[in-house]
Amino acid sequence: TPNTFIFSIANTDKRLAHFRWVGE
């Protein structure tokens, strides 16, 4: 779903393949 966010999520290479990192 574009224009949604998810937290608290780990910053991993696998997840960066599916999401855009916003900030830690």
PDBML (XML) file of the C-alpha atoms, coordinates in Angstrom:
<?xml version="1.0" encoding="UTF-8" ?>
<PDBx:datablock datablockName="MODEL"
   xmlns:PDBx="http://pdbml.pdb.org/schema/pdbx-v50.xsd"
   xmlns:xsi="http://www.w3.org/2001/XMLSchema-instance"
   xsi:schemaLocation="http://pdbml.pdb.org/schema/pdbx-v50.xsd pdbx-v50.xsd">
   <PDBx:atom_siteCategory>
      <PDBx:atom_site id="1">
         <PDBx:B_iso_or_equiv>0.00</PDBx:B_iso_or_equiv>
         <PDBx:Cartn_x>0.000</PDBx:Cartn_x>
         <PDBx:Cartn_y>0.000</PDBx:Cartn_y>
         <PDBx:Cartn_z>0.000</PDBx:Cartn_z>
         <PDBx:auth_asym_id>A</PDBx:auth_asym_id>
         <PDBx:auth_atom_id>CA</PDBx:auth_atom_id>
         <PDBx:auth_comp_id>THR</PDBx:auth_comp_id>
         <PDBx:auth_seq_id>1</PDBx:auth_seq_id>
         <PDBx:group_PDB>ATOM</PDBx:group_PDB>
         <PDBx:label_alt_id xsi:nil="true" />
         <PDBx:label_asym_id>A</PDBx:label_asym_id>
         <PDBx:label_atom_id>CA</PDBx:label_atom_id>
         <PDBx:label_comp_id>THR</PDBx:label_comp_id>
         <PDBx:label_entity_id>1</PDBx:label_entity_id>
         <PDBx:label_seq_id>1</PDBx:label_seq_id>
         <PDBx:occupancy>1.00</PDBx:occupancy>
         <PDBx:pdbx_PDB_model_num>1</PDBx:pdbx_PDB_model_num>
         <PDBx:type_symbol>C</PDBx:type_symbol>
      </PDBx:atom_site>
      <PDBx:atom_site id="2">
         <PDBx:B_iso_or_equiv>0.00</PDBx:B_iso_or_equiv>
         <PDBx:Cartn_x>1.727</PDBx:Cartn_x>
         <PDBx:Cartn_y>3.197</PDBx:Cartn_y>
         <PDBx:Cartn_z>-1.174</PDBx:Cartn_z>
         <PDBx:auth_asym_id>A</PDBx:auth_asym_id>
         <PDBx:auth_atom_id>CA</PDBx:auth_atom_id>
         <PDBx:auth_comp_id>PRO</PDBx:auth_comp_id>
         <PDBx:auth_seq_id>2</PDBx:auth_seq_id>
         <PDBx:group_PDB>ATOM</PDBx:group_PDB>
         <PDBx:label_alt_id xsi:nil="true" />
         <PDBx:label_asym_id>A</PDBx:label_asym_id>
         <PDBx:label_atom_id>CA</PDBx:label_atom_id>
         <PDBx:label_comp_id>PRO</PDBx:label_comp_id>
         <PDBx:label_entity_id>1</PDBx:label_entity_id>
         <PDBx:label_seq_id>2</PDBx:label_seq_id>
         <PDBx:occupancy>1.00</PDBx:occupancy>
         <PDBx:pdbx_PDB_model_num>1</PDBx:pdbx_PDB_model_num>
         <PDBx:type_symbol>C</PDBx:type_symbol>
      </PDBx:atom_site>
      <PDBx:atom_site id="3">
         <PDBx:B_iso_or_equiv>0.00</PDBx:B_iso_or_equiv>
         <PDBx:Cartn_x>1.646</PDBx:Cartn_x>
         <PDBx:Cartn_y>6.267</PDBx:Cartn_y>
         <PDBx:Cartn_z>1.079</PDBx:Cartn_z>
         <PDBx:auth_asym_id>A</PDBx:auth_asym_id>
         <PDBx:auth_atom_id>CA</PDBx:auth_atom_id>
         <PDBx:auth_comp_id>ASN</PDBx:auth_comp_id>
         <PDBx:auth_seq_id>3</PDBx:auth_seq_id>
         <PDBx:group_PDB>ATOM</PDBx:group_PDB>
         <PDBx:label_alt_id xsi:nil="true" />
         <PDBx:label_asym_id>A</PDBx:label_asym_id>
         <PDBx:label_atom_id>CA</PDBx:label_atom_id>
         <PDBx:label_comp_id>ASN</PDBx:label_comp_id>
         <PDBx:label_entity_id>1</PDBx:label_entity_id>
         <PDBx:label_seq_id>3</PDBx:label_seq_id>
         <PDBx:occupancy>1.00</PDBx:occupancy>
         <PDBx:pdbx_PDB_model_num>1</PDBx:pdbx_PDB_model_num>
         <PDBx:type_symbol>C</PDBx:type_symbol>
      </PDBx:atom_site>
      <PDBx:atom_site id="4">
         <PDBx:B_iso_or_equiv>0.00</PDBx:B_iso_or_equiv>
         <PDBx:Cartn_x>1.701</PDBx:Cartn_x>
         <PDBx:Cartn_y>4.176</PDBx:Cartn_y>
         <PDBx:Cartn_z>4.260</PDBx:Cartn_z>
         <PDBx:auth_asym_id>A</PDBx:auth_asym_id>
         <PDBx:auth_atom_id>CA</PDBx:auth_atom_id>
         <PDBx:auth_comp_id>THR</PDBx:auth_comp_id>
         <PDBx:auth_seq_id>4</PDBx:auth_seq_id>
         <PDBx:group_PDB>ATOM</PDBx:group_PDB>
         <PDBx:label_alt_id xsi:nil="true" />
         <PDBx:label_asym_id>A</PDBx:label_asym_id>
         <PDBx:label_atom_id>CA</PDBx:label_atom_id>
         <PDBx:label_comp_id>THR</PDBx:label_comp_id>
         <PDBx:label_entity_id>1</PDBx:label_entity_id>
         <PDBx:label_seq_id>4</PDBx:label_seq_id>
         <PDBx:occupancy>1.00</PDBx:occupancy>
         <PDBx:pdbx_PDB_model_num>1</PDBx:pdbx_PDB_model_num>
         <PDBx:type_symbol>C</PDBx:type_symbol>
      </PDBx:atom_site>
      <PDBx:atom_site id="5">
         <PDBx:B_iso_or_equiv>0.00</PDBx:B_iso_or_equiv>
         <PDBx:Cartn_x>4.428</PDBx:Cartn_x>
         <PDBx:Cartn_y>3.653</PDBx:Cartn_y>
         <PDBx:Cartn_z>6.854</PDBx:Cartn_z>
         <PDBx:auth_asym_id>A</PDBx:auth_asym_id>
         <PDBx:auth_atom_id>CA</PDBx:auth_atom_id>
         <PDBx:auth_comp_id>PHE</PDBx:auth_comp_id>
         <PDBx:auth_seq_id>5</PDBx:auth_seq_id>
         <PDBx:group_PDB>ATOM</PDBx:group_PDB>
         <PDBx:label_alt_id xsi:nil="true" />
         <PDBx:label_asym_id>A</PDBx:label_asym_id>
         <PDBx:label_atom_id>CA</PDBx:label_atom_id>
         <PDBx:label_comp_id>PHE</PDBx:label_comp_id>
         <PDBx:label_entity_id>1</PDBx:label_entity_id>
         <PDBx:label_seq_id>5</PDBx:label_seq_id>
         <PDBx:occupancy>1.00</PDBx:occupancy>
         <PDBx:pdbx_PDB_model_num>1</PDBx:pdbx_PDB_model_num>
         <PDBx:type_symbol>C</PDBx:type_symbol>
      </PDBx:atom_site>
      <PDBx:atom_site id="6">
         <PDBx:B_iso_or_equiv>0.00</PDBx:B_iso_or_equiv>
         <PDBx:Cartn_x>5.491</PDBx:Cartn_x>
         <PDBx:Cartn_y>0.791</PDBx:Cartn_y>
         <PDBx:Cartn_z>9.113</PDBx:Cartn_z>
         <PDBx:auth_asym_id>A</PDBx:auth_asym_id>
         <PDBx:auth_atom_id>CA</PDBx:auth_atom_id>
         <PDBx:auth_comp_id>ILE</PDBx:auth_comp_id>
         <PDBx:auth_seq_id>6</PDBx:auth_seq_id>
         <PDBx:group_PDB>ATOM</PDBx:group_PDB>
         <PDBx:label_alt_id xsi:nil="true" />
         <PDBx:label_asym_id>A</PDBx:label_asym_id>
         <PDBx:label_atom_id>CA</PDBx:label_atom_id>
         <PDBx:label_comp_id>ILE</PDBx:label_comp_id>
         <PDBx:label_entity_id>1</PDBx:label_entity_id>
         <PDBx:label_seq_id>6</PDBx:label_seq_id>
         <PDBx:occupancy>1.00</PDBx:occupancy>
         <PDBx:pdbx_PDB_model_num>1</PDBx:pdbx_PDB_model_num>
         <PDBx:type_symbol>C</PDBx:type_symbol>
      </PDBx:atom_site>
      <PDBx:atom_site id="7">
         <PDBx:B_iso_or_equiv>0.00</PDBx:B_iso_or_equiv>
         <PDBx:Cartn_x>7.248</PDBx:Cartn_x>
         <PDBx:Cartn_y>0.793</PDBx:Cartn_y>
         <PDBx:Cartn_z>12.511</PDBx:Cartn_z>
         <PDBx:auth_asym_id>A</PDBx:auth_asym_id>
         <PDBx:auth_atom_id>CA</PDBx:auth_atom_id>
         <PDBx:auth_comp_id>PHE</PDBx:auth_comp_id>
         <PDBx:auth_seq_id>7</PDBx:auth_seq_id>
         <PDBx:group_PDB>ATOM</PDBx:group_PDB>
         <PDBx:label_alt_id xsi:nil="true" />
         <PDBx:label_asym_id>A</PDBx:label_asym_id>
         <PDBx:label_atom_id>CA</PDBx:label_atom_id>
         <PDBx:label_comp_id>PHE</PDBx:label_comp_id>
         <PDBx:label_entity_id>1</PDBx:label_entity_id>
         <PDBx:label_seq_id>7</PDBx:label_seq_id>
         <PDBx:occupancy>1.00</PDBx:occupancy>
         <PDBx:pdbx_PDB_model_num>1</PDBx:pdbx_PDB_model_num>
         <PDBx:type_symbol>C</PDBx:type_symbol>
      </PDBx:atom_site>
      <PDBx:atom_site id="8">
         <PDBx:B_iso_or_equiv>0.00</PDBx:B_iso_or_equiv>
         <PDBx:Cartn_x>9.158</PDBx:Cartn_x>
         <PDBx:Cartn_y>-0.363</PDBx:Cartn_y>
         <PDBx:Cartn_z>14.569</PDBx:Cartn_z>
         <PDBx:auth_asym_id>A</PDBx:auth_asym_id>
         <PDBx:auth_atom_id>CA</PDBx:auth_atom_id>
         <PDBx:auth_comp_id>SER</PDBx:auth_comp_id>
         <PDBx:auth_seq_id>8</PDBx:auth_seq_id>
         <PDBx:group_PDB>ATOM</PDBx:group_PDB>
         <PDBx:label_alt_id xsi:nil="true" />
         <PDBx:label_asym_id>A</PDBx:label_asym_id>
         <PDBx:label_atom_id>CA</PDBx:label_atom_id>
         <PDBx:label_comp_id>SER</PDBx:label_comp_id>
         <PDBx:label_entity_id>1</PDBx:label_entity_id>
         <PDBx:label_seq_id>8</PDBx:label_seq_id>
         <PDBx:occupancy>1.00</PDBx:occupancy>
         <PDBx:pdbx_PDB_model_num>1</PDBx:pdbx_PDB_model_num>
         <PDBx:type_symbol>C</PDBx:type_symbol>
      </PDBx:atom_site>
      <PDBx:atom_site id="9">
         <PDBx:B_iso_or_equiv>0.00</PDBx:B_iso_or_equiv>
         <PDBx:Cartn_x>11.041</PDBx:Cartn_x>
         <PDBx:Cartn_y>-2.112</PDBx:Cartn_y>
         <PDBx:Cartn_z>11.783</PDBx:Cartn_z>
         <PDBx:auth_asym_id>A</PDBx:auth_asym_id>
         <PDBx:auth_atom_id>CA</PDBx:auth_atom_id>
         <PDBx:auth_comp_id>ILE</PDBx:auth_comp_id>
         <PDBx:auth_seq_id>9</PDBx:auth_seq_id>
         <PDBx:group_PDB>ATOM</PDBx:group_PDB>
         <PDBx:label_alt_id xsi:nil="true" />
         <PDBx:label_asym_id>A</PDBx:label_asym_id>
         <PDBx:label_atom_id>CA</PDBx:label_atom_id>
         <PDBx:label_comp_id>ILE</PDBx:label_comp_id>
         <PDBx:label_entity_id>1</PDBx:label_entity_id>
         <PDBx:label_seq_id>9</PDBx:label_seq_id>
         <PDBx:occupancy>1.00</PDBx:occupancy>
         <PDBx:pdbx_PDB_model_num>1</PDBx:pdbx_PDB_model_num>
         <PDBx:type_symbol>C</PDBx:type_symbol>
      </PDBx:atom_site>
      <PDBx:atom_site id="10">
         <PDBx:B_iso_or_equiv>0.00</PDBx:B_iso_or_equiv>
         <PDBx:Cartn_x>14.668</PDBx:Cartn_x>
         <PDBx:Cartn_y>-3.212</PDBx:Cartn_y>
         <PDBx:Cartn_z>11.525</PDBx:Cartn_z>
         <PDBx:auth_asym_id>A</PDBx:auth_asym_id>
         <PDBx:auth_atom_id>CA</PDBx:auth_atom_id>
         <PDBx:auth_comp_id>ALA</PDBx:auth_comp_id>
         <PDBx:auth_seq_id>10</PDBx:auth_seq_id>
         <PDBx:group_PDB>ATOM</PDBx:group_PDB>
         <PDBx:label_alt_id xsi:nil="true" />
         <PDBx:label_asym_id>A</PDBx:label_asym_id>
         <PDBx:label_atom_id>CA</PDBx:label_atom_id>
         <PDBx:label_comp_id>ALA</PDBx:label_comp_id>
         <PDBx:label_entity_id>1</PDBx:label_entity_id>
         <PDBx:label_seq_id>10</PDBx:label_seq_id>
         <PDBx:occupancy>1.00</PDBx:occupancy>
         <PDBx:pdbx_PDB_model_num>1</PDBx:pdbx_PDB_model_num>
         <PDBx:type_symbol>C</PDBx:type_symbol>
      </PDBx:atom_site>
      <PDBx:atom_site id="11">
         <PDBx:B_iso_or_equiv>0.00</PDBx:B_iso_or_equiv>
         <PDBx:Cartn_x>16.845</PDBx:Cartn_x>
         <PDBx:Cartn_y>-1.734</PDBx:Cartn_y>
         <PDBx:Cartn_z>8.814</PDBx:Cartn_z>
         <PDBx:auth_asym_id>A</PDBx:auth_asym_id>
         <PDBx:auth_atom_id>CA</PDBx:auth_atom_id>
         <PDBx:auth_comp_id>ASN</PDBx:auth_comp_id>
         <PDBx:auth_seq_id>11</PDBx:auth_seq_id>
         <PDBx:group_PDB>ATOM</PDBx:group_PDB>
         <PDBx:label_alt_id xsi:nil="true" />
         <PDBx:label_asym_id>A</PDBx:label_asym_id>
         <PDBx:label_atom_id>CA</PDBx:label_atom_id>
         <PDBx:label_comp_id>ASN</PDBx:label_comp_id>
         <PDBx:label_entity_id>1</PDBx:label_entity_id>
         <PDBx:label_seq_id>11</PDBx:label_seq_id>
         <PDBx:occupancy>1.00</PDBx:occupancy>
         <PDBx:pdbx_PDB_model_num>1</PDBx:pdbx_PDB_model_num>
         <PDBx:type_symbol>C</PDBx:type_symbol>
      </PDBx:atom_site>
      <PDBx:atom_site id="12">
         <PDBx:B_iso_or_equiv>0.00</PDBx:B_iso_or_equiv>
         <PDBx:Cartn_x>18.001</PDBx:Cartn_x>
         <PDBx:Cartn_y>-4.839</PDBx:Cartn_y>
         <PDBx:Cartn_z>6.939</PDBx:Cartn_z>
         <PDBx:auth_asym_id>A</PDBx:auth_asym_id>
         <PDBx:auth_atom_id>CA</PDBx:auth_atom_id>
         <PDBx:auth_comp_id>THR</PDBx:auth_comp_id>
         <PDBx:auth_seq_id>12</PDBx:auth_seq_id>
         <PDBx:group_PDB>ATOM</PDBx:group_PDB>
         <PDBx:label_alt_id xsi:nil="true" />
         <PDBx:label_asym_id>A</PDBx:label_asym_id>
         <PDBx:label_atom_id>CA</PDBx:label_atom_id>
         <PDBx:label_comp_id>THR</PDBx:label_comp_id>
         <PDBx:label_entity_id>1</PDBx:label_entity_id>
         <PDBx:label_seq_id>12</PDBx:label_seq_id>
         <PDBx:occupancy>1.00</PDBx:occupancy>
         <PDBx:pdbx_PDB_model_num>1</PDBx:pdbx_PDB_model_num>
         <PDBx:type_symbol>C</PDBx:type_symbol>
      </PDBx:atom_site>
      <PDBx:atom_site id="13">
         <PDBx:B_iso_or_equiv>0.00</PDBx:B_iso_or_equiv>
         <PDBx:Cartn_x>19.088</PDBx:Cartn_x>
         <PDBx:Cartn_y>-5.372</PDBx:Cartn_y>
         <PDBx:Cartn_z>3.342</PDBx:Cartn_z>
         <PDBx:auth_asym_id>A</PDBx:auth_asym_id>
         <PDBx:auth_atom_id>CA</PDBx:auth_atom_id>
         <PDBx:auth_comp_id>ASP</PDBx:auth_comp_id>
         <PDBx:auth_seq_id>13</PDBx:auth_seq_id>
         <PDBx:group_PDB>ATOM</PDBx:group_PDB>
         <PDBx:label_alt_id xsi:nil="true" />
         <PDBx:label_asym_id>A</PDBx:label_asym_id>
         <PDBx:label_atom_id>CA</PDBx:label_atom_id>
         <PDBx:label_comp_id>ASP</PDBx:label_comp_id>
         <PDBx:label_entity_id>1</PDBx:label_entity_id>
         <PDBx:label_seq_id>13</PDBx:label_seq_id>
         <PDBx:occupancy>1.00</PDBx:occupancy>
         <PDBx:pdbx_PDB_model_num>1</PDBx:pdbx_PDB_model_num>
         <PDBx:type_symbol>C</PDBx:type_symbol>
      </PDBx:atom_site>
      <PDBx:atom_site id="14">
         <PDBx:B_iso_or_equiv>0.00</PDBx:B_iso_or_equiv>
         <PDBx:Cartn_x>16.174</PDBx:Cartn_x>
         <PDBx:Cartn_y>-7.756</PDBx:Cartn_y>
         <PDBx:Cartn_z>2.796</PDBx:Cartn_z>
         <PDBx:auth_asym_id>A</PDBx:auth_asym_id>
         <PDBx:auth_atom_id>CA</PDBx:auth_atom_id>
         <PDBx:auth_comp_id>LYS</PDBx:auth_comp_id>
         <PDBx:auth_seq_id>14</PDBx:auth_seq_id>
         <PDBx:group_PDB>ATOM</PDBx:group_PDB>
         <PDBx:label_alt_id xsi:nil="true" />
         <PDBx:label_asym_id>A</PDBx:label_asym_id>
         <PDBx:label_atom_id>CA</PDBx:label_atom_id>
         <PDBx:label_comp_id>LYS</PDBx:label_comp_id>
         <PDBx:label_entity_id>1</PDBx:label_entity_id>
         <PDBx:label_seq_id>14</PDBx:label_seq_id>
         <PDBx:occupancy>1.00</PDBx:occupancy>
         <PDBx:pdbx_PDB_model_num>1</PDBx:pdbx_PDB_model_num>
         <PDBx:type_symbol>C</PDBx:type_symbol>
      </PDBx:atom_site>
      <PDBx:atom_site id="15">
         <PDBx:B_iso_or_equiv>0.00</PDBx:B_iso_or_equiv>
         <PDBx:Cartn_x>13.623</PDBx:Cartn_x>
         <PDBx:Cartn_y>-5.212</PDBx:Cartn_y>
         <PDBx:Cartn_z>3.952</PDBx:Cartn_z>
         <PDBx:auth_asym_id>A</PDBx:auth_asym_id>
         <PDBx:auth_atom_id>CA</PDBx:auth_atom_id>
         <PDBx:auth_comp_id>ARG</PDBx:auth_comp_id>
         <PDBx:auth_seq_id>15</PDBx:auth_seq_id>
         <PDBx:group_PDB>ATOM</PDBx:group_PDB>
         <PDBx:label_alt_id xsi:nil="true" />
         <PDBx:label_asym_id>A</PDBx:label_asym_id>
         <PDBx:label_atom_id>CA</PDBx:label_atom_id>
         <PDBx:label_comp_id>ARG</PDBx:label_comp_id>
         <PDBx:label_entity_id>1</PDBx:label_entity_id>
         <PDBx:label_seq_id>15</PDBx:label_seq_id>
         <PDBx:occupancy>1.00</PDBx:occupancy>
         <PDBx:pdbx_PDB_model_num>1</PDBx:pdbx_PDB_model_num>
         <PDBx:type_symbol>C</PDBx:type_symbol>
      </PDBx:atom_site>
      <PDBx:atom_site id="16">
         <PDBx:B_iso_or_equiv>0.00</PDBx:B_iso_or_equiv>
         <PDBx:Cartn_x>15.224</PDBx:Cartn_x>
         <PDBx:Cartn_y>-2.407</PDBx:Cartn_y>
         <PDBx:Cartn_z>1.969</PDBx:Cartn_z>
         <PDBx:auth_asym_id>A</PDBx:auth_asym_id>
         <PDBx:auth_atom_id>CA</PDBx:auth_atom_id>
         <PDBx:auth_comp_id>LEU</PDBx:auth_comp_id>
         <PDBx:auth_seq_id>16</PDBx:auth_seq_id>
         <PDBx:group_PDB>ATOM</PDBx:group_PDB>
         <PDBx:label_alt_id xsi:nil="true" />
         <PDBx:label_asym_id>A</PDBx:label_asym_id>
         <PDBx:label_atom_id>CA</PDBx:label_atom_id>
         <PDBx:label_comp_id>LEU</PDBx:label_comp_id>
         <PDBx:label_entity_id>1</PDBx:label_entity_id>
         <PDBx:label_seq_id>16</PDBx:label_seq_id>
         <PDBx:occupancy>1.00</PDBx:occupancy>
         <PDBx:pdbx_PDB_model_num>1</PDBx:pdbx_PDB_model_num>
         <PDBx:type_symbol>C</PDBx:type_symbol>
      </PDBx:atom_site>
      <PDBx:atom_site id="17">
         <PDBx:B_iso_or_equiv>0.00</PDBx:B_iso_or_equiv>
         <PDBx:Cartn_x>14.358</PDBx:Cartn_x>
         <PDBx:Cartn_y>-4.452</PDBx:Cartn_y>
         <PDBx:Cartn_z>-1.107</PDBx:Cartn_z>
         <PDBx:auth_asym_id>A</PDBx:auth_asym_id>
         <PDBx:auth_atom_id>CA</PDBx:auth_atom_id>
         <PDBx:auth_comp_id>ALA</PDBx:auth_comp_id>
         <PDBx:auth_seq_id>17</PDBx:auth_seq_id>
         <PDBx:group_PDB>ATOM</PDBx:group_PDB>
         <PDBx:label_alt_id xsi:nil="true" />
         <PDBx:label_asym_id>A</PDBx:label_asym_id>
         <PDBx:label_atom_id>CA</PDBx:label_atom_id>
         <PDBx:label_comp_id>ALA</PDBx:label_comp_id>
         <PDBx:label_entity_id>1</PDBx:label_entity_id>
         <PDBx:label_seq_id>17</PDBx:label_seq_id>
         <PDBx:occupancy>1.00</PDBx:occupancy>
         <PDBx:pdbx_PDB_model_num>1</PDBx:pdbx_PDB_model_num>
         <PDBx:type_symbol>C</PDBx:type_symbol>
      </PDBx:atom_site>
      <PDBx:atom_site id="18">
         <PDBx:B_iso_or_equiv>0.00</PDBx:B_iso_or_equiv>
         <PDBx:Cartn_x>10.671</PDBx:Cartn_x>
         <PDBx:Cartn_y>-3.887</PDBx:Cartn_y>
         <PDBx:Cartn_z>-0.300</PDBx:Cartn_z>
         <PDBx:auth_asym_id>A</PDBx:auth_asym_id>
         <PDBx:auth_atom_id>CA</PDBx:auth_atom_id>
         <PDBx:auth_comp_id>HIS</PDBx:auth_comp_id>
         <PDBx:auth_seq_id>18</PDBx:auth_seq_id>
         <PDBx:group_PDB>ATOM</PDBx:group_PDB>
         <PDBx:label_alt_id xsi:nil="true" />
         <PDBx:label_asym_id>A</PDBx:label_asym_id>
         <PDBx:label_atom_id>CA</PDBx:label_atom_id>
         <PDBx:label_comp_id>HIS</PDBx:label_comp_id>
         <PDBx:label_entity_id>1</PDBx:label_entity_id>
         <PDBx:label_seq_id>18</PDBx:label_seq_id>
         <PDBx:occupancy>1.00</PDBx:occupancy>
         <PDBx:pdbx_PDB_model_num>1</PDBx:pdbx_PDB_model_num>
         <PDBx:type_symbol>C</PDBx:type_symbol>
      </PDBx:atom_site>
      <PDBx:atom_site id="19">
         <PDBx:B_iso_or_equiv>0.00</PDBx:B_iso_or_equiv>
         <PDBx:Cartn_x>10.597</PDBx:Cartn_x>
         <PDBx:Cartn_y>-0.567</PDBx:Cartn_y>
         <PDBx:Cartn_z>1.574</PDBx:Cartn_z>
         <PDBx:auth_asym_id>A</PDBx:auth_asym_id>
         <PDBx:auth_atom_id>CA</PDBx:auth_atom_id>
         <PDBx:auth_comp_id>PHE</PDBx:auth_comp_id>
         <PDBx:auth_seq_id>19</PDBx:auth_seq_id>
         <PDBx:group_PDB>ATOM</PDBx:group_PDB>
         <PDBx:label_alt_id xsi:nil="true" />
         <PDBx:label_asym_id>A</PDBx:label_asym_id>
         <PDBx:label_atom_id>CA</PDBx:label_atom_id>
         <PDBx:label_comp_id>PHE</PDBx:label_comp_id>
         <PDBx:label_entity_id>1</PDBx:label_entity_id>
         <PDBx:label_seq_id>19</PDBx:label_seq_id>
         <PDBx:occupancy>1.00</PDBx:occupancy>
         <PDBx:pdbx_PDB_model_num>1</PDBx:pdbx_PDB_model_num>
         <PDBx:type_symbol>C</PDBx:type_symbol>
      </PDBx:atom_site>
      <PDBx:atom_site id="20">
         <PDBx:B_iso_or_equiv>0.00</PDBx:B_iso_or_equiv>
         <PDBx:Cartn_x>12.156</PDBx:Cartn_x>
         <PDBx:Cartn_y>2.868</PDBx:Cartn_y>
         <PDBx:Cartn_z>1.577</PDBx:Cartn_z>
         <PDBx:auth_asym_id>A</PDBx:auth_asym_id>
         <PDBx:auth_atom_id>CA</PDBx:auth_atom_id>
         <PDBx:auth_comp_id>ARG</PDBx:auth_comp_id>
         <PDBx:auth_seq_id>20</PDBx:auth_seq_id>
         <PDBx:group_PDB>ATOM</PDBx:group_PDB>
         <PDBx:label_alt_id xsi:nil="true" />
         <PDBx:label_asym_id>A</PDBx:label_asym_id>
         <PDBx:label_atom_id>CA</PDBx:label_atom_id>
         <PDBx:label_comp_id>ARG</PDBx:label_comp_id>
         <PDBx:label_entity_id>1</PDBx:label_entity_id>
         <PDBx:label_seq_id>20</PDBx:label_seq_id>
         <PDBx:occupancy>1.00</PDBx:occupancy>
         <PDBx:pdbx_PDB_model_num>1</PDBx:pdbx_PDB_model_num>
         <PDBx:type_symbol>C</PDBx:type_symbol>
      </PDBx:atom_site>
      <PDBx:atom_site id="21">
         <PDBx:B_iso_or_equiv>0.00</PDBx:B_iso_or_equiv>
         <PDBx:Cartn_x>13.931</PDBx:Cartn_x>
         <PDBx:Cartn_y>3.655</PDBx:Cartn_y>
         <PDBx:Cartn_z>4.837</PDBx:Cartn_z>
         <PDBx:auth_asym_id>A</PDBx:auth_asym_id>
         <PDBx:auth_atom_id>CA</PDBx:auth_atom_id>
         <PDBx:auth_comp_id>TRP</PDBx:auth_comp_id>
         <PDBx:auth_seq_id>21</PDBx:auth_seq_id>
         <PDBx:group_PDB>ATOM</PDBx:group_PDB>
         <PDBx:label_alt_id xsi:nil="true" />
         <PDBx:label_asym_id>A</PDBx:label_asym_id>
         <PDBx:label_atom_id>CA</PDBx:label_atom_id>
         <PDBx:label_comp_id>TRP</PDBx:label_comp_id>
         <PDBx:label_entity_id>1</PDBx:label_entity_id>
         <PDBx:label_seq_id>21</PDBx:label_seq_id>
         <PDBx:occupancy>1.00</PDBx:occupancy>
         <PDBx:pdbx_PDB_model_num>1</PDBx:pdbx_PDB_model_num>
         <PDBx:type_symbol>C</PDBx:type_symbol>
      </PDBx:atom_site>
      <PDBx:atom_site id="22">
         <PDBx:B_iso_or_equiv>0.00</PDBx:B_iso_or_equiv>
         <PDBx:Cartn_x>12.710</PDBx:Cartn_x>
         <PDBx:Cartn_y>6.840</PDBx:Cartn_y>
         <PDBx:Cartn_z>6.532</PDBx:Cartn_z>
         <PDBx:auth_asym_id>A</PDBx:auth_asym_id>
         <PDBx:auth_atom_id>CA</PDBx:auth_atom_id>
         <PDBx:auth_comp_id>VAL</PDBx:auth_comp_id>
         <PDBx:auth_seq_id>22</PDBx:auth_seq_id>
         <PDBx:group_PDB>ATOM</PDBx:group_PDB>
         <PDBx:label_alt_id xsi:nil="true" />
         <PDBx:label_asym_id>A</PDBx:label_asym_id>
         <PDBx:label_atom_id>CA</PDBx:label_atom_id>
         <PDBx:label_comp_id>VAL</PDBx:label_comp_id>
         <PDBx:label_entity_id>1</PDBx:label_entity_id>
         <PDBx:label_seq_id>22</PDBx:label_seq_id>
         <PDBx:occupancy>1.00</PDBx:occupancy>
         <PDBx:pdbx_PDB_model_num>1</PDBx:pdbx_PDB_model_num>
         <PDBx:type_symbol>C</PDBx:type_symbol>
      </PDBx:atom_site>
      <PDBx:atom_site id="23">
         <PDBx:B_iso_or_equiv>0.00</PDBx:B_iso_or_equiv>
         <PDBx:Cartn_x>14.780</PDBx:Cartn_x>
         <PDBx:Cartn_y>7.019</PDBx:Cartn_y>
         <PDBx:Cartn_z>9.695</PDBx:Cartn_z>
         <PDBx:auth_asym_id>A</PDBx:auth_asym_id>
         <PDBx:auth_atom_id>CA</PDBx:auth_atom_id>
         <PDBx:auth_comp_id>GLY</PDBx:auth_comp_id>
         <PDBx:auth_seq_id>23</PDBx:auth_seq_id>
         <PDBx:group_PDB>ATOM</PDBx:group_PDB>
         <PDBx:label_alt_id xsi:nil="true" />
         <PDBx:label_asym_id>A</PDBx:label_asym_id>
         <PDBx:label_atom_id>CA</PDBx:label_atom_id>
         <PDBx:label_comp_id>GLY</PDBx:label_comp_id>
         <PDBx:label_entity_id>1</PDBx:label_entity_id>
         <PDBx:label_seq_id>23</PDBx:label_seq_id>
         <PDBx:occupancy>1.00</PDBx:occupancy>
         <PDBx:pdbx_PDB_model_num>1</PDBx:pdbx_PDB_model_num>
         <PDBx:type_symbol>C</PDBx:type_symbol>
      </PDBx:atom_site>
      <PDBx:atom_site id="24">
         <PDBx:B_iso_or_equiv>0.00</PDBx:B_iso_or_equiv>
         <PDBx:Cartn_x>15.920</PDBx:Cartn_x>
         <PDBx:Cartn_y>5.227</PDBx:Cartn_y>
         <PDBx:Cartn_z>12.802</PDBx:Cartn_z>
         <PDBx:auth_asym_id>A</PDBx:auth_asym_id>
         <PDBx:auth_atom_id>CA</PDBx:auth_atom_id>
         <PDBx:auth_comp_id>GLU</PDBx:auth_comp_id>
         <PDBx:auth_seq_id>24</PDBx:auth_seq_id>
         <PDBx:group_PDB>ATOM</PDBx:group_PDB>
         <PDBx:label_alt_id xsi:nil="true" />
         <PDBx:label_asym_id>A</PDBx:label_asym_id>
         <PDBx:label_atom_id>CA</PDBx:label_atom_id>
         <PDBx:label_comp_id>GLU</PDBx:label_comp_id>
         <PDBx:label_entity_id>1</PDBx:label_entity_id>
         <PDBx:label_seq_id>24</PDBx:label_seq_id>
         <PDBx:occupancy>1.00</PDBx:occupancy>
         <PDBx:pdbx_PDB_model_num>1</PDBx:pdbx_PDB_model_num>
         <PDBx:type_symbol>C</PDBx:type_symbol>
      </PDBx:atom_site>
   </PDBx:atom_siteCategory>
</PDBx:datablock>
